Amino acid sequence: MAFTSEDRVRDVIRNFKADGFSSRYPKYRDRGGHPPKFTLGQREIKKIAKARPGEYGLTFSAWSLSKLAEFLVAEGWSMTSATRA
């Protein structure tokens, strides 16, 4: 009737006995949570990509992938980082 397994029902009952009504709201942060979606380097590249090229003294008005990669390499980023970004 509930379309769930007996094991899941047992887990819910066991959690309720241990934590009461607060077991309905699991504390994912206590278990470590998800890893960050972007590394610090990726955040920097994202910040550059979201900015207008004119802010960096360039003459074109919008980034293309190849222009962004060339700019990142010229700024000292590795070709691998620039290509992945």
PDB file of N, CA and C in Angstrom:
ATOM      1  N   MET A   1       0.816  -1.180   0.000  1.00  0.00           N
ATOM      2  CA  MET A   1       0.000   0.000   0.000  1.00  0.00           C
ATOM      3  C   MET A   1       0.871   1.261   0.000  1.00  0.00           C
ATOM      4  N   ALA A   2       2.010   1.243   0.664  1.00  0.00           N
ATOM      5  CA  ALA A   2       2.883   2.411   0.701  1.00  0.00           C
ATOM      6  C   ALA A   2       3.941   2.371  -0.393  1.00  0.00           C
ATOM      7  N   PHE A   3       4.011   1.266  -1.135  1.00  0.00           N
ATOM      8  CA  PHE A   3       4.980   1.091  -2.214  1.00  0.00           C
ATOM      9  C   PHE A   3       6.417   1.289  -1.738  1.00  0.00           C
ATOM     10  N   THR A   4       6.736   0.670  -0.639  1.00  0.00           N
ATOM     11  CA  THR A   4       8.096   0.729  -0.116  1.00  0.00           C
ATOM     12  C   THR A   4       8.468  -0.638   0.443  1.00  0.00           C
ATOM     13  N   SER A   5       9.735  -0.829   0.682  1.00  0.00           N
ATOM     14  CA  SER A   5      10.188  -2.137   1.158  1.00  0.00           C
ATOM     15  C   SER A   5      10.060  -2.233   2.678  1.00  0.00           C
ATOM     16  N   GLU A   6      10.080  -3.449   3.165  1.00  0.00           N
ATOM     17  CA  GLU A   6      10.022  -3.683   4.604  1.00  0.00           C
ATOM     18  C   GLU A   6      11.266  -3.115   5.296  1.00  0.00           C
ATOM     19  N   ASP A   7      12.404  -3.191   4.613  1.00  0.00           N
ATOM     20  CA  ASP A   7      13.641  -2.655   5.188  1.00  0.00           C
ATOM     21  C   ASP A   7      13.545  -1.144   5.403  1.00  0.00           C
ATOM     22  N   ARG A   8      12.952  -0.456   4.466  1.00  0.00           N
ATOM     23  CA  ARG A   8      12.803   0.998   4.600  1.00  0.00           C
ATOM     24  C   ARG A   8      11.883   1.335   5.781  1.00  0.00           C
ATOM     25  N   VAL A   9      10.805   0.579   5.935  1.00  0.00           N
ATOM     26  CA  VAL A   9       9.881   0.798   7.053  1.00  0.00           C
ATOM     27  C   VAL A   9      10.609   0.574   8.371  1.00  0.00           C
ATOM     28  N   ARG A  10      11.425  -0.478   8.446  1.00  0.00           N
ATOM     29  CA  ARG A  10      12.190  -0.741   9.666  1.00  0.00           C
ATOM     30  C   ARG A  10      13.145   0.405   9.978  1.00  0.00           C
ATOM     31  N   ASP A  11      13.803   0.933   8.927  1.00  0.00           N
ATOM     32  CA  ASP A  11      14.718   2.065   9.125  1.00  0.00           C
ATOM     33  C   ASP A  11      13.987   3.279   9.672  1.00  0.00           C
ATOM     34  N   VAL A  12      12.810   3.563   9.132  1.00  0.00           N
ATOM     35  CA  VAL A  12      12.032   4.718   9.585  1.00  0.00           C
ATOM     36  C   VAL A  12      11.623   4.541  11.047  1.00  0.00           C
ATOM     37  N   ILE A  13      11.153   3.357  11.409  1.00  0.00           N
ATOM     38  CA  ILE A  13      10.745   3.094  12.792  1.00  0.00           C
ATOM     39  C   ILE A  13      11.940   3.202  13.734  1.00  0.00           C
ATOM     40  N   ARG A  14      13.086   2.625  13.328  1.00  0.00           N
ATOM     41  CA  ARG A  14      14.288   2.687  14.156  1.00  0.00           C
ATOM     42  C   ARG A  14      14.737   4.136  14.346  1.00  0.00           C
ATOM     43  N   ASN A  15      14.725   4.929  13.289  1.00  0.00           N
ATOM     44  CA  ASN A  15      15.114   6.337  13.389  1.00  0.00           C
ATOM     45  C   ASN A  15      14.149   7.117  14.272  1.00  0.00           C
ATOM     46  N   PHE A  16      12.855   6.801  14.154  1.00  0.00           N
ATOM     47  CA  PHE A  16      11.866   7.509  14.970  1.00  0.00           C
ATOM     48  C   PHE A  16      12.053   7.189  16.453  1.00  0.00           C
ATOM     49  N   LYS A  17      12.346   5.927  16.756  1.00  0.00           N
ATOM     50  CA  LYS A  17      12.571   5.542  18.153  1.00  0.00           C
ATOM     51  C   LYS A  17      13.802   6.237  18.722  1.00  0.00           C
ATOM     52  N   ALA A  18      14.815   6.433  17.892  1.00  0.00           N
ATOM     53  CA  ALA A  18      16.056   7.054  18.356  1.00  0.00           C
ATOM     54  C   ALA A  18      15.943   8.574  18.465  1.00  0.00           C
ATOM     55  N   ASP A  19      15.283   9.224  17.487  1.00  0.00           N
ATOM     56  CA  ASP A  19      15.294  10.685  17.417  1.00  0.00           C
ATOM     57  C   ASP A  19      13.926  11.343  17.564  1.00  0.00           C
ATOM     58  N   GLY A  20      12.860  10.565  17.638  1.00  0.00           N
ATOM     59  CA  GLY A  20      11.518  11.150  17.734  1.00  0.00           C
ATOM     60  C   GLY A  20      11.132  11.842  16.433  1.00  0.00           C
ATOM     61  N   PHE A  21      10.351  12.924  16.565  1.00  0.00           N
ATOM     62  CA  PHE A  21       9.852  13.607  15.368  1.00  0.00           C
ATOM     63  C   PHE A  21      10.960  14.311  14.582  1.00  0.00           C
ATOM     64  N   SER A  22      12.075  14.598  15.224  1.00  0.00           N
ATOM     65  CA  SER A  22      13.176  15.247  14.498  1.00  0.00           C
ATOM     66  C   SER A  22      13.805  14.302  13.470  1.00  0.00           C
ATOM     67  N   SER A  23      13.501  13.020  13.535  1.00  0.00           N
ATOM     68  CA  SER A  23      14.037  12.083  12.547  1.00  0.00           C
ATOM     69  C   SER A  23      13.452  12.328  11.166  1.00  0.00           C
ATOM     70  N   ARG A  24      12.354  13.096  11.109  1.00  0.00           N
ATOM     71  CA  ARG A  24      11.770  13.412   9.805  1.00  0.00           C
ATOM     72  C   ARG A  24      12.636  14.395   9.028  1.00  0.00           C
ATOM     73  N   TYR A  25      13.517  15.106   9.705  1.00  0.00           N
ATOM     74  CA  TYR A  25      14.371  16.101   9.073  1.00  0.00           C
ATOM     75  C   TYR A  25      15.830  15.697   9.282  1.00  0.00           C
ATOM     76  N   PRO A  26      16.371  14.855   8.410  1.00  0.00           N
ATOM     77  CA  PRO A  26      17.742  14.385   8.605  1.00  0.00           C
ATOM     78  C   PRO A  26      18.743  15.532   8.554  1.00  0.00           C
ATOM     79  N   LYS A  27      19.796  15.396   9.315  1.00  0.00           N
ATOM     80  CA  LYS A  27      20.840  16.416   9.389  1.00  0.00           C
ATOM     81  C   LYS A  27      21.964  16.032   8.439  1.00  0.00           C
ATOM     82  N   TYR A  28      21.832  16.422   7.183  1.00  0.00           N
ATOM     83  CA  TYR A  28      22.814  16.036   6.182  1.00  0.00           C
ATOM     84  C   TYR A  28      24.164  16.690   6.428  1.00  0.00           C
ATOM     85  N   ARG A  29      24.180  17.873   7.022  1.00  0.00           N
ATOM     86  CA  ARG A  29      25.446  18.551   7.269  1.00  0.00           C
ATOM     87  C   ARG A  29      26.301  17.775   8.257  1.00  0.00           C
ATOM     88  N   ASP A  30      25.664  17.070   9.170  1.00  0.00           N
ATOM     89  CA  ASP A  30      26.418  16.295  10.147  1.00  0.00           C
ATOM     90  C   ASP A  30      27.157  15.140   9.490  1.00  0.00           C
ATOM     91  N   ARG A  31      26.712  14.729   8.343  1.00  0.00           N
ATOM     92  CA  ARG A  31      27.333  13.594   7.652  1.00  0.00           C
ATOM     93  C   ARG A  31      28.372  14.041   6.638  1.00  0.00           C
ATOM     94  N   GLY A  32      28.631  15.309   6.553  1.00  0.00           N
ATOM     95  CA  GLY A  32      29.639  15.788   5.619  1.00  0.00           C
ATOM     96  C   GLY A  32      29.047  16.519   4.439  1.00  0.00           C
ATOM     97  N   GLY A  33      27.834  16.217   4.047  1.00  0.00           N
ATOM     98  CA  GLY A  33      27.194  16.916   2.938  1.00  0.00           C
ATOM     99  C   GLY A  33      27.854  16.648   1.604  1.00  0.00           C
ATOM    100  N   HIS A  34      27.434  17.397   0.632  1.00  0.00           N
ATOM    101  CA  HIS A  34      27.980  17.260  -0.714  1.00  0.00           C
ATOM    102  C   HIS A  34      29.261  18.078  -0.838  1.00  0.00           C
ATOM    103  N   PRO A  35      30.173  17.647  -1.696  1.00  0.00           N
ATOM    104  CA  PRO A  35      31.377  18.450  -1.909  1.00  0.00           C
ATOM    105  C   PRO A  35      31.015  19.748  -2.636  1.00  0.00           C
ATOM    106  N   PRO A  36      31.845  20.774  -2.532  1.00  0.00           N
ATOM    107  CA  PRO A  36      31.528  22.013  -3.233  1.00  0.00           C
ATOM    108  C   PRO A  36      31.468  21.782  -4.733  1.00  0.00           C
ATOM    109  N   LYS A  37      30.607  22.526  -5.386  1.00  0.00           N
ATOM    110  CA  LYS A  37      30.419  22.320  -6.820  1.00  0.00           C
ATOM    111  C   LYS A  37      31.571  22.881  -7.637  1.00  0.00           C
ATOM    112  N   PHE A  38      32.179  23.969  -7.164  1.00  0.00           N
ATOM    113  CA  PHE A  38      33.281  24.576  -7.887  1.00  0.00           C
ATOM    114  C   PHE A  38      34.485  24.732  -6.964  1.00  0.00           C
ATOM    115  N   THR A  39      35.661  24.472  -7.507  1.00  0.00           N
ATOM    116  CA  THR A  39      36.885  24.729  -6.754  1.00  0.00           C
ATOM    117  C   THR A  39      37.162  26.224  -6.784  1.00  0.00           C
ATOM    118  N   LEU A  40      38.130  26.667  -6.012  1.00  0.00           N
ATOM    119  CA  LEU A  40      38.473  28.087  -5.969  1.00  0.00           C
ATOM    120  C   LEU A  40      38.918  28.576  -7.347  1.00  0.00           C
ATOM    121  N   GLY A  41      39.731  27.795  -8.029  1.00  0.00           N
ATOM    122  CA  GLY A  41      40.178  28.163  -9.378  1.00  0.00           C
ATOM    123  C   GLY A  41      39.026  28.260 -10.357  1.00  0.00           C
ATOM    124  N   GLN A  42      38.097  27.317 -10.271  1.00  0.00           N
ATOM    125  CA  GLN A  42      36.937  27.349 -11.154  1.00  0.00           C
ATOM    126  C   GLN A  42      36.070  28.563 -10.875  1.00  0.00           C
ATOM    127  N   ARG A  43      35.980  28.966  -9.603  1.00  0.00           N
ATOM    128  CA  ARG A  43      35.204  30.173  -9.270  1.00  0.00           C
ATOM    129  C   ARG A  43      35.841  31.412  -9.879  1.00  0.00           C
ATOM    130  N   GLU A  44      37.176  31.473  -9.862  1.00  0.00           N
ATOM    131  CA  GLU A  44      37.863  32.617 -10.467  1.00  0.00           C
ATOM    132  C   GLU A  44      37.613  32.666 -11.968  1.00  0.00           C
ATOM    133  N   ILE A  45      37.693  31.514 -12.615  1.00  0.00           N
ATOM    134  CA  ILE A  45      37.442  31.451 -14.057  1.00  0.00           C
ATOM    135  C   ILE A  45      35.997  31.837 -14.355  1.00  0.00           C
ATOM    136  N   LYS A  46      35.077  31.385 -13.535  1.00  0.00           N
ATOM    137  CA  LYS A  46      33.662  31.720 -13.714  1.00  0.00           C
ATOM    138  C   LYS A  46      33.448  33.225 -13.575  1.00  0.00           C
ATOM    139  N   LYS A  47      34.149  33.841 -12.605  1.00  0.00           N
ATOM    140  CA  LYS A  47      34.028  35.289 -12.401  1.00  0.00           C
ATOM    141  C   LYS A  47      34.513  36.041 -13.638  1.00  0.00           C
ATOM    142  N   ILE A  48      35.617  35.593 -14.228  1.00  0.00           N
ATOM    143  CA  ILE A  48      36.142  36.214 -15.437  1.00  0.00           C
ATOM    144  C   ILE A  48      35.166  36.029 -16.592  1.00  0.00           C
ATOM    145  N   ALA A  49      34.630  34.824 -16.731  1.00  0.00           N
ATOM    146  CA  ALA A  49      33.721  34.522 -17.846  1.00  0.00           C
ATOM    147  C   ALA A  49      32.423  35.323 -17.759  1.00  0.00           C
ATOM    148  N   LYS A  50      31.960  35.615 -16.547  1.00  0.00           N
ATOM    149  CA  LYS A  50      30.717  36.369 -16.392  1.00  0.00           C
ATOM    150  C   LYS A  50      30.911  37.873 -16.597  1.00  0.00           C
ATOM    151  N   ALA A  51      32.156  38.332 -16.492  1.00  0.00           N
ATOM    152  CA  ALA A  51      32.441  39.757 -16.686  1.00  0.00           C
ATOM    153  C   ALA A  51      32.513  40.078 -18.179  1.00  0.00           C
ATOM    154  N   ARG A  52      32.370  41.339 -18.502  1.00  0.00           N
ATOM    155  CA  ARG A  52      32.527  41.780 -19.891  1.00  0.00           C
ATOM    156  C   ARG A  52      34.018  41.857 -20.226  1.00  0.00           C
ATOM    157  N   PRO A  53      34.396  41.481 -21.435  1.00  0.00           N
ATOM    158  CA  PRO A  53      35.818  41.553 -21.813  1.00  0.00           C
ATOM    159  C   PRO A  53      36.390  42.962 -21.700  1.00  0.00           C
ATOM    160  N   GLY A  54      35.563  43.987 -21.868  1.00  0.00           N
ATOM    161  CA  GLY A  54      36.032  45.364 -21.755  1.00  0.00           C
ATOM    162  C   GLY A  54      36.586  45.691 -20.376  1.00  0.00           C
ATOM    163  N   GLU A  55      36.118  44.982 -19.353  1.00  0.00           N
ATOM    164  CA  GLU A  55      36.626  45.200 -18.004  1.00  0.00           C
ATOM    165  C   GLU A  55      38.093  44.790 -17.870  1.00  0.00           C
ATOM    166  N   TYR A  56      38.553  43.984 -18.807  1.00  0.00           N
ATOM    167  CA  TYR A  56      39.942  43.530 -18.803  1.00  0.00           C
ATOM    168  C   TYR A  56      40.750  44.210 -19.916  1.00  0.00           C
ATOM    169  N   GLY A  57      40.192  45.286 -20.474  1.00  0.00           N
ATOM    170  CA  GLY A  57      40.897  46.052 -21.492  1.00  0.00           C
ATOM    171  C   GLY A  57      40.874  45.428 -22.871  1.00  0.00           C
ATOM    172  N   LEU A  58      39.940  44.544 -23.136  1.00  0.00           N
ATOM    173  CA  LEU A  58      39.839  43.896 -24.440  1.00  0.00           C
ATOM    174  C   LEU A  58      38.809  44.625 -25.294  1.00  0.00           C
ATOM    175  N   THR A  59      38.950  44.543 -26.612  1.00  0.00           N
ATOM    176  CA  THR A  59      38.114  45.345 -27.506  1.00  0.00           C
ATOM    177  C   THR A  59      36.802  44.681 -27.911  1.00  0.00           C
ATOM    178  N   PHE A  60      36.675  43.391 -27.779  1.00  0.00           N
ATOM    179  CA  PHE A  60      35.432  42.730 -28.182  1.00  0.00           C
ATOM    180  C   PHE A  60      34.402  42.806 -27.064  1.00  0.00           C
ATOM    181  N   SER A  61      33.119  42.578 -27.416  1.00  0.00           N
ATOM    182  CA  SER A  61      32.045  42.827 -26.448  1.00  0.00           C
ATOM    183  C   SER A  61      31.549  41.580 -25.714  1.00  0.00           C
ATOM    184  N   ALA A  62      31.857  40.400 -26.219  1.00  0.00           N
ATOM    185  CA  ALA A  62      31.385  39.167 -25.576  1.00  0.00           C
ATOM    186  C   ALA A  62      32.457  38.087 -25.702  1.00  0.00           C
ATOM    187  N   TRP A  63      32.486  37.204 -24.724  1.00  0.00           N
ATOM    188  CA  TRP A  63      33.442  36.099 -24.750  1.00  0.00           C
ATOM    189  C   TRP A  63      32.960  35.003 -25.689  1.00  0.00           C
ATOM    190  N   SER A  64      33.855  34.429 -26.437  1.00  0.00           N
ATOM    191  CA  SER A  64      33.629  33.136 -27.075  1.00  0.00           C
ATOM    192  C   SER A  64      34.491  32.159 -26.284  1.00  0.00           C
ATOM    193  N   LEU A  65      34.256  30.894 -26.453  1.00  0.00           N
ATOM    194  CA  LEU A  65      35.050  29.917 -25.697  1.00  0.00           C
ATOM    195  C   LEU A  65      36.530  29.998 -26.053  1.00  0.00           C
ATOM    196  N   SER A  66      36.822  30.167 -27.329  1.00  0.00           N
ATOM    197  CA  SER A  66      38.226  30.225 -27.728  1.00  0.00           C
ATOM    198  C   SER A  66      38.902  31.497 -27.210  1.00  0.00           C
ATOM    199  N   LYS A  67      38.186  32.635 -27.257  1.00  0.00           N
ATOM    200  CA  LYS A  67      38.766  33.886 -26.750  1.00  0.00           C
ATOM    201  C   LYS A  67      38.974  33.821 -25.239  1.00  0.00           C
ATOM    202  N   LEU A  68      38.021  33.221 -24.524  1.00  0.00           N
ATOM    203  CA  LEU A  68      38.164  33.076 -23.083  1.00  0.00           C
ATOM    204  C   LEU A  68      39.363  32.191 -22.751  1.00  0.00           C
ATOM    205  N   ALA A  69      39.504  31.077 -23.474  1.00  0.00           N
ATOM    206  CA  ALA A  69      40.634  30.175 -23.232  1.00  0.00           C
ATOM    207  C   ALA A  69      41.957  30.873 -23.529  1.00  0.00           C
ATOM    208  N   GLU A  70      42.024  31.617 -24.626  1.00  0.00           N
ATOM    209  CA  GLU A  70      43.257  32.345 -24.962  1.00  0.00           C
ATOM    210  C   GLU A  70      43.590  33.375 -23.883  1.00  0.00           C
ATOM    211  N   PHE A  71      42.578  34.090 -23.399  1.00  0.00           N
ATOM    212  CA  PHE A  71      42.787  35.093 -22.364  1.00  0.00           C
ATOM    213  C   PHE A  71      43.288  34.444 -21.079  1.00  0.00           C
ATOM    214  N   LEU A  72      42.682  33.326 -20.689  1.00  0.00           N
ATOM    215  CA  LEU A  72      43.090  32.653 -19.456  1.00  0.00           C
ATOM    216  C   LEU A  72      44.530  32.164 -19.543  1.00  0.00           C
ATOM    217  N   VAL A  73      44.913  31.631 -20.689  1.00  0.00           N
ATOM    218  CA  VAL A  73      46.292  31.162 -20.864  1.00  0.00           C
ATOM    219  C   VAL A  73      47.250  32.352 -20.805  1.00  0.00           C
ATOM    220  N   ALA A  74      46.861  33.475 -21.434  1.00  0.00           N
ATOM    221  CA  ALA A  74      47.701  34.672 -21.403  1.00  0.00           C
ATOM    222  C   ALA A  74      47.838  35.221 -19.984  1.00  0.00           C
ATOM    223  N   GLU A  75      46.829  34.994 -19.149  1.00  0.00           N
ATOM    224  CA  GLU A  75      46.855  35.462 -17.761  1.00  0.00           C
ATOM    225  C   GLU A  75      47.605  34.508 -16.832  1.00  0.00           C
ATOM    226  N   GLY A  76      48.075  33.382 -17.367  1.00  0.00           N
ATOM    227  CA  GLY A  76      48.859  32.468 -16.553  1.00  0.00           C
ATOM    228  C   GLY A  76      48.157  31.192 -16.146  1.00  0.00           C
ATOM    229  N   TRP A  77      46.935  31.005 -16.563  1.00  0.00           N
ATOM    230  CA  TRP A  77      46.236  29.754 -16.266  1.00  0.00           C
ATOM    231  C   TRP A  77      46.778  28.664 -17.178  1.00  0.00           C
ATOM    232  N   SER A  78      46.738  27.448 -16.727  1.00  0.00           N
ATOM    233  CA  SER A  78      47.203  26.342 -17.575  1.00  0.00           C
ATOM    234  C   SER A  78      46.196  26.092 -18.694  1.00  0.00           C
ATOM    235  N   MET A  79      46.654  25.547 -19.785  1.00  0.00           N
ATOM    236  CA  MET A  79      45.765  25.264 -20.925  1.00  0.00           C
ATOM    237  C   MET A  79      44.690  24.265 -20.512  1.00  0.00           C
ATOM    238  N   THR A  80      45.033  23.328 -19.631  1.00  0.00           N
ATOM    239  CA  THR A  80      44.048  22.349 -19.162  1.00  0.00           C
ATOM    240  C   THR A  80      42.913  23.028 -18.401  1.00  0.00           C
ATOM    241  N   SER A  81      43.262  23.936 -17.507  1.00  0.00           N
ATOM    242  CA  SER A  81      42.235  24.661 -16.750  1.00  0.00           C
ATOM    243  C   SER A  81      41.372  25.511 -17.676  1.00  0.00           C
ATOM    244  N   ALA A  82      42.010  26.192 -18.612  1.00  0.00           N
ATOM    245  CA  ALA A  82      41.287  27.051 -19.528  1.00  0.00           C
ATOM    246  C   ALA A  82      40.354  26.245 -20.415  1.00  0.00           C
ATOM    247  N   THR A  83      40.814  25.098 -20.873  1.00  0.00           N
ATOM    248  CA  THR A  83      39.976  24.266 -21.736  1.00  0.00           C
ATOM    249  C   THR A  83      38.804  23.661 -20.971  1.00  0.00           C
ATOM    250  N   ARG A  84      39.043  23.205 -19.757  1.00  0.00           N
ATOM    251  CA  ARG A  84      37.961  22.633 -18.949  1.00  0.00           C
ATOM    252  C   ARG A  84      36.917  23.669 -18.582  1.00  0.00           C
ATOM    253  N   ALA A  85      37.376  24.889 -18.333  1.00  0.00           N
ATOM    254  CA  ALA A  85      36.436  25.960 -17.947  1.00  0.00           C
ATOM    255  C   ALA A  85      35.483  26.232 -19.077  1.00  0.00           C
TER     256      ALA A  85
END
